Amino acid sequence: LVVEYCTAAGERRYDRLAELVHPDAVFGGTVKGEAHGAEAFVQGFR
């Protein structure tokens, strides 16, 4: 799953990426701000 997620993000397949991300997902770390929810999570890669 993680390899597919990483590959989809790198190939800019955002529809597939959204399918792989949980609706309540949280994205953080060395980023401008934490993203909450699948749409915000995927938007970071967009």
All heavy atoms as atom14 arrays in JSON, in Angstrom:
{
  "sequence": "LVVEYCTAAGERRYDRLAELVHPDAVFGGTVKGEAHGAEAFVQGFR",
  "atom14_mask": [
    [1, 1, 1, 1, 1, 1, 1, 1, 0, 0, 0, 0, 0, 0],
    [1, 1, 1, 1, 1, 1, 1, 0, 0, 0, 0, 0, 0, 0],
    [1, 1, 1, 1, 1, 1, 1, 0, 0, 0, 0, 0, 0, 0],
    [1, 1, 1, 1, 1, 1, 1, 1, 1, 0, 0, 0, 0, 0],
    [1, 1, 1, 1, 1, 1, 1, 1, 1, 1, 1, 1, 0, 0],
    [1, 1, 1, 1, 1, 1, 0, 0, 0, 0, 0, 0, 0, 0],
    [1, 1, 1, 1, 1, 1, 1, 0, 0, 0, 0, 0, 0, 0],
    [1, 1, 1, 1, 1, 0, 0, 0, 0, 0, 0, 0, 0, 0],
    [1, 1, 1, 1, 1, 0, 0, 0, 0, 0, 0, 0, 0, 0],
    [1, 1, 1, 1, 0, 0, 0, 0, 0, 0, 0, 0, 0, 0],
    [1, 1, 1, 1, 1, 1, 1, 1, 1, 0, 0, 0, 0, 0],
    [1, 1, 1, 1, 1, 1, 1, 1, 1, 1, 1, 0, 0, 0],
    [1, 1, 1, 1, 1, 1, 1, 1, 1, 1, 1, 0, 0, 0],
    [1, 1, 1, 1, 1, 1, 1, 1, 1, 1, 1, 1, 0, 0],
    [1, 1, 1, 1, 1, 1, 1, 1, 0, 0, 0, 0, 0, 0],
    [1, 1, 1, 1, 1, 1, 1, 1, 1, 1, 1, 0, 0, 0],
    [1, 1, 1, 1, 1, 1, 1, 1, 0, 0, 0, 0, 0, 0],
    [1, 1, 1, 1, 1, 0, 0, 0, 0, 0, 0, 0, 0, 0],
    [1, 1, 1, 1, 1, 1, 1, 1, 1, 0, 0, 0, 0, 0],
    [1, 1, 1, 1, 1, 1, 1, 1, 0, 0, 0, 0, 0, 0],
    [1, 1, 1, 1, 1, 1, 1, 0, 0, 0, 0, 0, 0, 0],
    [1, 1, 1, 1, 1, 1, 1, 1, 1, 1, 0, 0, 0, 0],
    [1, 1, 1, 1, 1, 1, 1, 0, 0, 0, 0, 0, 0, 0],
    [1, 1, 1, 1, 1, 1, 1, 1, 0, 0, 0, 0, 0, 0],
    [1, 1, 1, 1, 1, 0, 0, 0, 0, 0, 0, 0, 0, 0],
    [1, 1, 1, 1, 1, 1, 1, 0, 0, 0, 0, 0, 0, 0],
    [1, 1, 1, 1, 1, 1, 1, 1, 1, 1, 1, 0, 0, 0],
    [1, 1, 1, 1, 0, 0, 0, 0, 0, 0, 0, 0, 0, 0],
    [1, 1, 1, 1, 0, 0, 0, 0, 0, 0, 0, 0, 0, 0],
    [1, 1, 1, 1, 1, 1, 1, 0, 0, 0, 0, 0, 0, 0],
    [1, 1, 1, 1, 1, 1, 1, 0, 0, 0, 0, 0, 0, 0],
    [1, 1, 1, 1, 1, 1, 1, 1, 1, 0, 0, 0, 0, 0],
    [1, 1, 1, 1, 0, 0, 0, 0, 0, 0, 0, 0, 0, 0],
    [1, 1, 1, 1, 1, 1, 1, 1, 1, 0, 0, 0, 0, 0],
    [1, 1, 1, 1, 1, 0, 0, 0, 0, 0, 0, 0, 0, 0],
    [1, 1, 1, 1, 1, 1, 1, 1, 1, 1, 0, 0, 0, 0],
    [1, 1, 1, 1, 0, 0, 0, 0, 0, 0, 0, 0, 0, 0],
    [1, 1, 1, 1, 1, 0, 0, 0, 0, 0, 0, 0, 0, 0],
    [1, 1, 1, 1, 1, 1, 1, 1, 1, 0, 0, 0, 0, 0],
    [1, 1, 1, 1, 1, 0, 0, 0, 0, 0, 0, 0, 0, 0],
    [1, 1, 1, 1, 1, 1, 1, 1, 1, 1, 1, 0, 0, 0],
    [1, 1, 1, 1, 1, 1, 1, 0, 0, 0, 0, 0, 0, 0],
    [1, 1, 1, 1, 1, 1, 1, 1, 1, 0, 0, 0, 0, 0],
    [1, 1, 1, 1, 0, 0, 0, 0, 0, 0, 0, 0, 0, 0],
    [1, 1, 1, 1, 1, 1, 1, 1, 1, 1, 1, 0, 0, 0],
    [1, 1, 1, 1, 1, 1, 1, 1, 1, 1, 1, 0, 0, 0]
  ],
  "atom14_positions": [
    [[0.84, -1.2, 0.0], [0.0, 0.0, 0.0], [0.88, 1.26, 0.0], [0.62, 2.19, -0.77], [-0.92, 0.01, 1.22], [-1.69, 1.32, 1.47], [-2.68, 1.58, 0.34], [-2.38, 1.28, 2.81], [0.0, 0.0, 0.0], [0.0, 0.0, 0.0], [0.0, 0.0, 0.0], [0.0, 0.0, 0.0], [0.0, 0.0, 0.0], [0.0, 0.0, 0.0]],
    [[1.9, 1.28, 0.82], [2.76, 2.45, 0.93], [3.52, 2.69, -0.37], [3.66, 3.83, -0.82], [3.69, 2.34, 2.15], [4.75, 3.41, 2.14], [2.86, 2.42, 3.43], [0.0, 0.0, 0.0], [0.0, 0.0, 0.0], [0.0, 0.0, 0.0], [0.0, 0.0, 0.0], [0.0, 0.0, 0.0], [0.0, 0.0, 0.0], [0.0, 0.0, 0.0]],
    [[3.98, 1.62, -1.0], [4.66, 1.78, -2.3], [3.68, 2.32, -3.34], [4.01, 3.23, -4.1], [5.3, 0.45, -2.76], [5.76, 0.54, -4.21], [6.46, 0.08, -1.86], [0.0, 0.0, 0.0], [0.0, 0.0, 0.0], [0.0, 0.0, 0.0], [0.0, 0.0, 0.0], [0.0, 0.0, 0.0], [0.0, 0.0, 0.0], [0.0, 0.0, 0.0]],
    [[2.46, 1.79, -3.37], [1.47, 2.28, -4.33], [1.12, 3.74, -4.06], [1.0, 4.55, -4.99], [0.2, 1.41, -4.29], [-0.79, 1.8, -5.36], [-1.99, 0.87, -5.46], [-2.07, -0.12, -4.71], [-2.84, 1.15, -6.32], [0.0, 0.0, 0.0], [0.0, 0.0, 0.0], [0.0, 0.0, 0.0], [0.0, 0.0, 0.0], [0.0, 0.0, 0.0]],
    [[0.96, 4.1, -2.8], [0.68, 5.48, -2.4], [1.8, 6.41, -2.87], [1.55, 7.46, -3.48], [0.5, 5.5, -0.88], [0.86, 6.78, -0.18], [-0.01, 7.86, -0.17], [2.06, 6.9, 0.52], [0.31, 9.03, 0.49], [2.39, 8.06, 1.19], [1.52, 9.12, 1.18], [1.84, 10.27, 1.83], [0.0, 0.0, 0.0], [0.0, 0.0, 0.0]],
    [[3.01, 6.03, -2.59], [4.17, 6.85, -2.96], [4.28, 6.98, -4.49], [4.53, 8.07, -5.01], [5.43, 6.24, -2.37], [6.86, 7.3, -2.43], [0.0, 0.0, 0.0], [0.0, 0.0, 0.0], [0.0, 0.0, 0.0], [0.0, 0.0, 0.0], [0.0, 0.0, 0.0], [0.0, 0.0, 0.0], [0.0, 0.0, 0.0], [0.0, 0.0, 0.0]],
    [[4.06, 5.89, -5.18], [4.13, 5.89, -6.64], [3.02, 6.75, -7.24], [3.26, 7.55, -8.15], [4.06, 4.45, -7.18], [5.15, 3.71, -6.62], [4.14, 4.42, -8.69], [0.0, 0.0, 0.0], [0.0, 0.0, 0.0], [0.0, 0.0, 0.0], [0.0, 0.0, 0.0], [0.0, 0.0, 0.0], [0.0, 0.0, 0.0], [0.0, 0.0, 0.0]],
    [[1.8, 6.61, -6.74], [0.67, 7.41, -7.24], [0.94, 8.9, -7.05], [0.69, 9.7, -7.95], [-0.63, 7.0, -6.56], [0.0, 0.0, 0.0], [0.0, 0.0, 0.0], [0.0, 0.0, 0.0], [0.0, 0.0, 0.0], [0.0, 0.0, 0.0], [0.0, 0.0, 0.0], [0.0, 0.0, 0.0], [0.0, 0.0, 0.0], [0.0, 0.0, 0.0]],
    [[1.49, 9.27, -5.89], [1.8, 10.68, -5.64], [2.86, 11.17, -6.62], [2.74, 12.25, -7.2], [2.28, 10.87, -4.21], [0.0, 0.0, 0.0], [0.0, 0.0, 0.0], [0.0, 0.0, 0.0], [0.0, 0.0, 0.0], [0.0, 0.0, 0.0], [0.0, 0.0, 0.0], [0.0, 0.0, 0.0], [0.0, 0.0, 0.0], [0.0, 0.0, 0.0]],
    [[3.89, 10.36, -6.84], [4.97, 10.74, -7.74], [4.57, 10.81, -9.2], [5.14, 11.57, -9.98], [0.0, 0.0, 0.0], [0.0, 0.0, 0.0], [0.0, 0.0, 0.0], [0.0, 0.0, 0.0], [0.0, 0.0, 0.0], [0.0, 0.0, 0.0], [0.0, 0.0, 0.0], [0.0, 0.0, 0.0], [0.0, 0.0, 0.0], [0.0, 0.0, 0.0]],
    [[3.56, 10.01, -9.56], [3.07, 10.01, -10.94], [1.91, 10.99, -11.14], [1.31, 11.02, -12.2], [2.64, 8.59, -11.35], [3.82, 7.63, -11.43], [3.41, 6.2, -11.72], [2.2, 5.86, -11.66], [4.31, 5.4, -12.0], [0.0, 0.0, 0.0], [0.0, 0.0, 0.0], [0.0, 0.0, 0.0], [0.0, 0.0, 0.0], [0.0, 0.0, 0.0]],
    [[1.59, 11.74, -10.1], [0.52, 12.73, -10.14], [-0.83, 12.11, -10.49], [-1.66, 12.74, -11.14], [0.89, 13.89, -11.08], [2.15, 14.62, -10.62], [2.61, 15.72, -11.54], [2.71, 15.36, -12.95], [3.73, 14.71, -13.5], [4.73, 14.31, -12.76], [3.74, 14.45, -14.79], [0.0, 0.0, 0.0], [0.0, 0.0, 0.0], [0.0, 0.0, 0.0]],
    [[-1.06, 10.89, -10.02], [-2.36, 10.22, -10.19], [-3.19, 10.51, -8.94], [-3.35, 9.66, -8.07], [-2.17, 8.72, -10.41], [-1.52, 8.4, -11.75], [-1.42, 6.91, -12.03], [-0.48, 6.29, -11.11], [-0.77, 5.23, -10.34], [-1.95, 4.68, -10.35], [0.15, 4.73, -9.53], [0.0, 0.0, 0.0], [0.0, 0.0, 0.0], [0.0, 0.0, 0.0]],
    [[-3.7, 11.73, -8.85], [-4.34, 12.2, -7.64], [-5.66, 11.5, -7.35], [-6.01, 11.34, -6.17], [-4.52, 13.72, -7.7], [-3.21, 14.42, -7.95], [-3.02, 15.21, -9.07], [-2.13, 14.25, -7.08], [-1.81, 15.84, -9.31], [-0.92, 14.87, -7.33], [-0.77, 15.66, -8.44], [0.44, 16.26, -8.68], [0.0, 0.0, 0.0], [0.0, 0.0, 0.0]],
    [[-6.38, 11.07, -8.37], [-7.61, 10.31, -8.13], [-7.29, 9.0, -7.42], [-7.96, 8.62, -6.47], [-8.37, 10.04, -9.43], [-9.0, 11.29, -10.01], [-9.14, 12.29, -9.26], [-9.36, 11.28, -11.2], [0.0, 0.0, 0.0], [0.0, 0.0, 0.0], [0.0, 0.0, 0.0], [0.0, 0.0, 0.0], [0.0, 0.0, 0.0], [0.0, 0.0, 0.0]],
    [[-6.24, 8.31, -7.89], [-5.84, 7.06, -7.25], [-5.31, 7.34, -5.85], [-5.61, 6.6, -4.91], [-4.78, 6.34, -8.08], [-4.29, 5.05, -7.46], [-5.43, 4.05, -7.33], [-4.97, 2.84, -6.7], [-5.7, 2.13, -5.83], [-6.92, 2.53, -5.51], [-5.23, 1.03, -5.3], [0.0, 0.0, 0.0], [0.0, 0.0, 0.0], [0.0, 0.0, 0.0]],
    [[-4.54, 8.39, -5.7], [-4.02, 8.76, -4.39], [-5.16, 8.97, -3.4], [-5.1, 8.49, -2.26], [-3.15, 10.01, -4.5], [-2.41, 10.47, -3.27], [-1.43, 9.4, -2.78], [-1.67, 11.76, -3.56], [0.0, 0.0, 0.0], [0.0, 0.0, 0.0], [0.0, 0.0, 0.0], [0.0, 0.0, 0.0], [0.0, 0.0, 0.0], [0.0, 0.0, 0.0]],
    [[-6.2, 9.66, -3.82], [-7.35, 9.91, -2.95], [-8.02, 8.6, -2.52], [-8.52, 8.5, -1.39], [-8.36, 10.81, -3.66], [0.0, 0.0, 0.0], [0.0, 0.0, 0.0], [0.0, 0.0, 0.0], [0.0, 0.0, 0.0], [0.0, 0.0, 0.0], [0.0, 0.0, 0.0], [0.0, 0.0, 0.0], [0.0, 0.0, 0.0], [0.0, 0.0, 0.0]],
    [[-8.02, 7.6, -3.39], [-8.59, 6.29, -3.03], [-7.76, 5.58, -1.97], [-8.29, 4.78, -1.2], [-8.68, 5.4, -4.27], [-9.66, 5.88, -5.31], [-9.55, 5.11, -6.62], [-8.66, 4.24, -6.76], [-10.37, 5.39, -7.52], [0.0, 0.0, 0.0], [0.0, 0.0, 0.0], [0.0, 0.0, 0.0], [0.0, 0.0, 0.0], [0.0, 0.0, 0.0]],
    [[-6.47, 5.87, -1.93], [-5.57, 5.19, -1.01], [-5.49, 5.86, 0.36], [-4.94, 5.29, 1.31], [-4.16, 5.13, -1.61], [-4.03, 4.37, -2.93], [-2.64, 4.57, -3.52], [-4.32, 2.89, -2.72], [0.0, 0.0, 0.0], [0.0, 0.0, 0.0], [0.0, 0.0, 0.0], [0.0, 0.0, 0.0], [0.0, 0.0, 0.0], [0.0, 0.0, 0.0]],
    [[-6.03, 7.06, 0.47], [-5.94, 7.85, 1.7], [-7.27, 7.77, 2.46], [-8.34, 7.94, 1.89], [-5.59, 9.32, 1.37], [-5.63, 10.18, 2.61], [-4.2, 9.38, 0.72], [0.0, 0.0, 0.0], [0.0, 0.0, 0.0], [0.0, 0.0, 0.0], [0.0, 0.0, 0.0], [0.0, 0.0, 0.0], [0.0, 0.0, 0.0], [0.0, 0.0, 0.0]],
    [[-7.18, 7.51, 3.75], [-8.35, 7.43, 4.62], [-9.05, 8.79, 4.67], [-8.38, 9.83, 4.68], [-7.91, 7.0, 6.03], [-9.02, 6.59, 6.9], [-9.81, 7.49, 7.57], [-9.5, 5.36, 7.21], [-10.73, 6.84, 8.26], [-10.56, 5.53, 8.05], [0.0, 0.0, 0.0], [0.0, 0.0, 0.0], [0.0, 0.0, 0.0], [0.0, 0.0, 0.0]],
    [[-10.39, 8.82, 4.72], [-11.11, 10.11, 4.75], [-10.68, 11.04, 5.89], [-10.72, 12.25, 5.76], [-12.58, 9.7, 4.92], [-12.65, 8.31, 4.39], [-11.31, 7.68, 4.68], [0.0, 0.0, 0.0], [0.0, 0.0, 0.0], [0.0, 0.0, 0.0], [0.0, 0.0, 0.0], [0.0, 0.0, 0.0], [0.0, 0.0, 0.0], [0.0, 0.0, 0.0]],
    [[-10.25, 10.46, 7.02], [-9.84, 11.26, 8.18], [-8.32, 11.39, 8.3], [-7.8, 11.65, 9.38], [-10.4, 10.64, 9.46], [-11.91, 10.59, 9.48], [-12.54, 11.53, 8.94], [-12.48, 9.62, 9.99], [0.0, 0.0, 0.0], [0.0, 0.0, 0.0], [0.0, 0.0, 0.0], [0.0, 0.0, 0.0], [0.0, 0.0, 0.0], [0.0, 0.0, 0.0]],
    [[-7.61, 11.21, 7.22], [-6.15, 11.2, 7.25], [-5.57, 12.52, 7.73], [-6.16, 13.59, 7.54], [-5.6, 10.86, 5.86], [0.0, 0.0, 0.0], [0.0, 0.0, 0.0], [0.0, 0.0, 0.0], [0.0, 0.0, 0.0], [0.0, 0.0, 0.0], [0.0, 0.0, 0.0], [0.0, 0.0, 0.0], [0.0, 0.0, 0.0], [0.0, 0.0, 0.0]],
    [[-4.37, 12.42, 8.31], [-3.63, 13.59, 8.77], [-2.24, 13.53, 8.17], [-1.58, 12.49, 8.18], [-3.52, 13.62, 10.31], [-2.68, 14.8, 10.78], [-4.9, 13.65, 10.94], [0.0, 0.0, 0.0], [0.0, 0.0, 0.0], [0.0, 0.0, 0.0], [0.0, 0.0, 0.0], [0.0, 0.0, 0.0], [0.0, 0.0, 0.0], [0.0, 0.0, 0.0]],
    [[-1.79, 14.67, 7.61], [-0.46, 14.77, 7.01], [0.29, 15.87, 7.73], [-0.2, 16.99, 7.84], [-0.6, 15.11, 5.52], [0.7, 15.05, 4.76], [1.16, 13.85, 4.27], [1.43, 16.19, 4.54], [2.35, 13.78, 3.55], [2.63, 16.14, 3.83], [3.08, 14.92, 3.34], [0.0, 0.0, 0.0], [0.0, 0.0, 0.0], [0.0, 0.0, 0.0]],
    [[1.48, 15.54, 8.24], [2.26, 16.53, 8.97], [3.75, 16.3, 8.78], [4.17, 15.61, 7.87], [0.0, 0.0, 0.0], [0.0, 0.0, 0.0], [0.0, 0.0, 0.0], [0.0, 0.0, 0.0], [0.0, 0.0, 0.0], [0.0, 0.0, 0.0], [0.0, 0.0, 0.0], [0.0, 0.0, 0.0], [0.0, 0.0, 0.0], [0.0, 0.0, 0.0]],
    [[4.53, 16.87, 9.66], [5.98, 16.75, 9.58], [6.6, 18.08, 9.22], [6.15, 19.13, 9.68], [0.0, 0.0, 0.0], [0.0, 0.0, 0.0], [0.0, 0.0, 0.0], [0.0, 0.0, 0.0], [0.0, 0.0, 0.0], [0.0, 0.0, 0.0], [0.0, 0.0, 0.0], [0.0, 0.0, 0.0], [0.0, 0.0, 0.0], [0.0, 0.0, 0.0]],
    [[7.62, 18.04, 8.37], [8.31, 19.26, 7.97], [7.57, 19.93, 6.81], [8.1, 20.1, 5.73], [9.77, 18.97, 7.58], [9.78, 17.91, 6.63], [10.63, 18.61, 8.76], [0.0, 0.0, 0.0], [0.0, 0.0, 0.0], [0.0, 0.0, 0.0], [0.0, 0.0, 0.0], [0.0, 0.0, 0.0], [0.0, 0.0, 0.0], [0.0, 0.0, 0.0]],
    [[6.33, 20.28, 7.07], [5.48, 20.93, 6.08], [4.97, 22.24, 6.68], [5.03, 22.44, 7.9], [4.31, 20.02, 5.64], [4.82, 18.82, 4.87], [3.48, 19.56, 6.83], [0.0, 0.0, 0.0], [0.0, 0.0, 0.0], [0.0, 0.0, 0.0], [0.0, 0.0, 0.0], [0.0, 0.0, 0.0], [0.0, 0.0, 0.0], [0.0, 0.0, 0.0]],
    [[4.45, 23.09, 5.84], [3.98, 24.42, 6.27], [2.94, 24.31, 7.38], [2.96, 25.04, 8.35], [3.41, 25.16, 5.07], [3.15, 26.61, 5.29], [2.74, 27.25, 3.99], [2.68, 28.75, 4.12], [2.38, 29.38, 2.85], [0.0, 0.0, 0.0], [0.0, 0.0, 0.0], [0.0, 0.0, 0.0], [0.0, 0.0, 0.0], [0.0, 0.0, 0.0]],
    [[2.0, 23.39, 7.22], [0.95, 23.19, 8.21], [0.39, 21.8, 8.07], [0.5, 21.18, 7.02], [0.0, 0.0, 0.0], [0.0, 0.0, 0.0], [0.0, 0.0, 0.0], [0.0, 0.0, 0.0], [0.0, 0.0, 0.0], [0.0, 0.0, 0.0], [0.0, 0.0, 0.0], [0.0, 0.0, 0.0], [0.0, 0.0, 0.0], [0.0, 0.0, 0.0]],
    [[-0.18, 21.31, 9.12], [-0.77, 19.97, 9.1], [-2.03, 19.98, 8.23], [-2.8, 20.93, 8.26], [-1.14, 19.57, 10.53], [-0.93, 18.12, 10.81], [-1.09, 17.77, 12.27], [-2.21, 17.96, 12.81], [-0.11, 17.31, 12.86], [0.0, 0.0, 0.0], [0.0, 0.0, 0.0], [0.0, 0.0, 0.0], [0.0, 0.0, 0.0], [0.0, 0.0, 0.0]],
    [[-2.2, 18.9, 7.45], [-3.39, 18.76, 6.6], [-4.3, 17.71, 7.23], [-3.83, 16.64, 7.64], [-2.99, 18.34, 5.2], [0.0, 0.0, 0.0], [0.0, 0.0, 0.0], [0.0, 0.0, 0.0], [0.0, 0.0, 0.0], [0.0, 0.0, 0.0], [0.0, 0.0, 0.0], [0.0, 0.0, 0.0], [0.0, 0.0, 0.0], [0.0, 0.0, 0.0]],
    [[-5.59, 18.02, 7.32], [-6.57, 17.1, 7.9], [-7.62, 16.75, 6.86], [-8.18, 17.65, 6.23], [-7.25, 17.74, 9.12], [-6.29, 18.01, 10.24], [-6.07, 17.1, 11.24], [-5.49, 19.07, 10.49], [-5.16, 17.58, 12.07], [-4.8, 18.78, 11.64], [0.0, 0.0, 0.0], [0.0, 0.0, 0.0], [0.0, 0.0, 0.0], [0.0, 0.0, 0.0]],
    [[-7.85, 15.46, 6.69], [-8.83, 14.98, 5.73], [-8.17, 14.6, 4.41], [-7.11, 15.14, 4.05], [0.0, 0.0, 0.0], [0.0, 0.0, 0.0], [0.0, 0.0, 0.0], [0.0, 0.0, 0.0], [0.0, 0.0, 0.0], [0.0, 0.0, 0.0], [0.0, 0.0, 0.0], [0.0, 0.0, 0.0], [0.0, 0.0, 0.0], [0.0, 0.0, 0.0]],
    [[-8.8, 13.68, 3.71], [-8.23, 13.15, 2.47], [-8.0, 14.24, 1.43], [-6.95, 14.26, 0.77], [-9.12, 12.04, 1.91], [0.0, 0.0, 0.0], [0.0, 0.0, 0.0], [0.0, 0.0, 0.0], [0.0, 0.0, 0.0], [0.0, 0.0, 0.0], [0.0, 0.0, 0.0], [0.0, 0.0, 0.0], [0.0, 0.0, 0.0], [0.0, 0.0, 0.0]],
    [[-8.94, 15.14, 1.26], [-8.8, 16.16, 0.22], [-7.61, 17.07, 0.5], [-6.81, 17.36, -0.39], [-10.08, 16.98, 0.07], [-10.01, 18.04, -1.02], [-9.63, 17.52, -2.4], [-10.03, 16.4, -2.77], [-8.9, 18.25, -3.13], [0.0, 0.0, 0.0], [0.0, 0.0, 0.0], [0.0, 0.0, 0.0], [0.0, 0.0, 0.0], [0.0, 0.0, 0.0]],
    [[-7.47, 17.53, 1.72], [-6.34, 18.4, 2.08], [-5.02, 17.64, 1.96], [-4.01, 18.19, 1.52], [-6.52, 18.94, 3.5], [0.0, 0.0, 0.0], [0.0, 0.0, 0.0], [0.0, 0.0, 0.0], [0.0, 0.0, 0.0], [0.0, 0.0, 0.0], [0.0, 0.0, 0.0], [0.0, 0.0, 0.0], [0.0, 0.0, 0.0], [0.0, 0.0, 0.0]],
    [[-5.05, 16.37, 2.35], [-3.87, 15.51, 2.27], [-3.39, 15.42, 0.82], [-2.23, 15.67, 0.52], [-4.28, 14.12, 2.79], [-3.16, 13.17, 3.06], [-2.92, 12.74, 4.36], [-2.39, 12.63, 2.05], [-1.92, 11.82, 4.63], [-1.39, 11.71, 2.3], [-1.15, 11.31, 3.61], [0.0, 0.0, 0.0], [0.0, 0.0, 0.0], [0.0, 0.0, 0.0]],
    [[-4.31, 15.1, -0.09], [-3.97, 14.95, -1.51], [-3.61, 16.3, -2.12], [-2.72, 16.38, -2.97], [-5.13, 14.27, -2.27], [-4.87, 14.25, -3.77], [-5.35, 12.84, -1.75], [0.0, 0.0, 0.0], [0.0, 0.0, 0.0], [0.0, 0.0, 0.0], [0.0, 0.0, 0.0], [0.0, 0.0, 0.0], [0.0, 0.0, 0.0], [0.0, 0.0, 0.0]],
    [[-4.24, 17.37, -1.67], [-3.95, 18.7, -2.2], [-2.49, 19.07, -2.0], [-1.89, 19.74, -2.85], [-4.86, 19.76, -1.57], [-4.7, 21.13, -2.19], [-5.03, 21.16, -3.68], [-6.03, 20.58, -4.12], [-4.2, 21.81, -4.47], [0.0, 0.0, 0.0], [0.0, 0.0, 0.0], [0.0, 0.0, 0.0], [0.0, 0.0, 0.0], [0.0, 0.0, 0.0]],
    [[-1.9, 18.64, -0.92], [-0.48, 18.9, -0.69], [0.38, 18.36, -1.82], [1.32, 19.02, -2.27], [0.0, 0.0, 0.0], [0.0, 0.0, 0.0], [0.0, 0.0, 0.0], [0.0, 0.0, 0.0], [0.0, 0.0, 0.0], [0.0, 0.0, 0.0], [0.0, 0.0, 0.0], [0.0, 0.0, 0.0], [0.0, 0.0, 0.0], [0.0, 0.0, 0.0]],
    [[0.04, 17.17, -2.31], [0.78, 16.6, -3.44], [0.44, 17.31, -4.74], [1.31, 17.5, -5.59], [0.51, 15.09, -3.55], [1.17, 14.31, -2.46], [0.43, 13.85, -1.39], [2.52, 14.03, -2.49], [1.03, 13.12, -0.36], [3.14, 13.31, -1.49], [2.39, 12.86, -0.4], [0.0, 0.0, 0.0], [0.0, 0.0, 0.0], [0.0, 0.0, 0.0]],
    [[-0.82, 17.72, -4.9], [-1.2, 18.49, -6.09], [-0.39, 19.79, -6.17], [0.01, 20.21, -7.25], [-2.69, 18.83, -6.05], [-3.6, 17.76, -6.51], [-5.02, 18.32, -6.72], [-5.93, 17.23, -6.93], [-6.75, 16.72, -6.02], [-6.79, 17.24, -4.8], [-7.55, 15.72, -6.31], [0.0, 0.0, 0.0], [0.0, 0.0, 0.0], [0.0, 0.0, 0.0]]
  ]
}
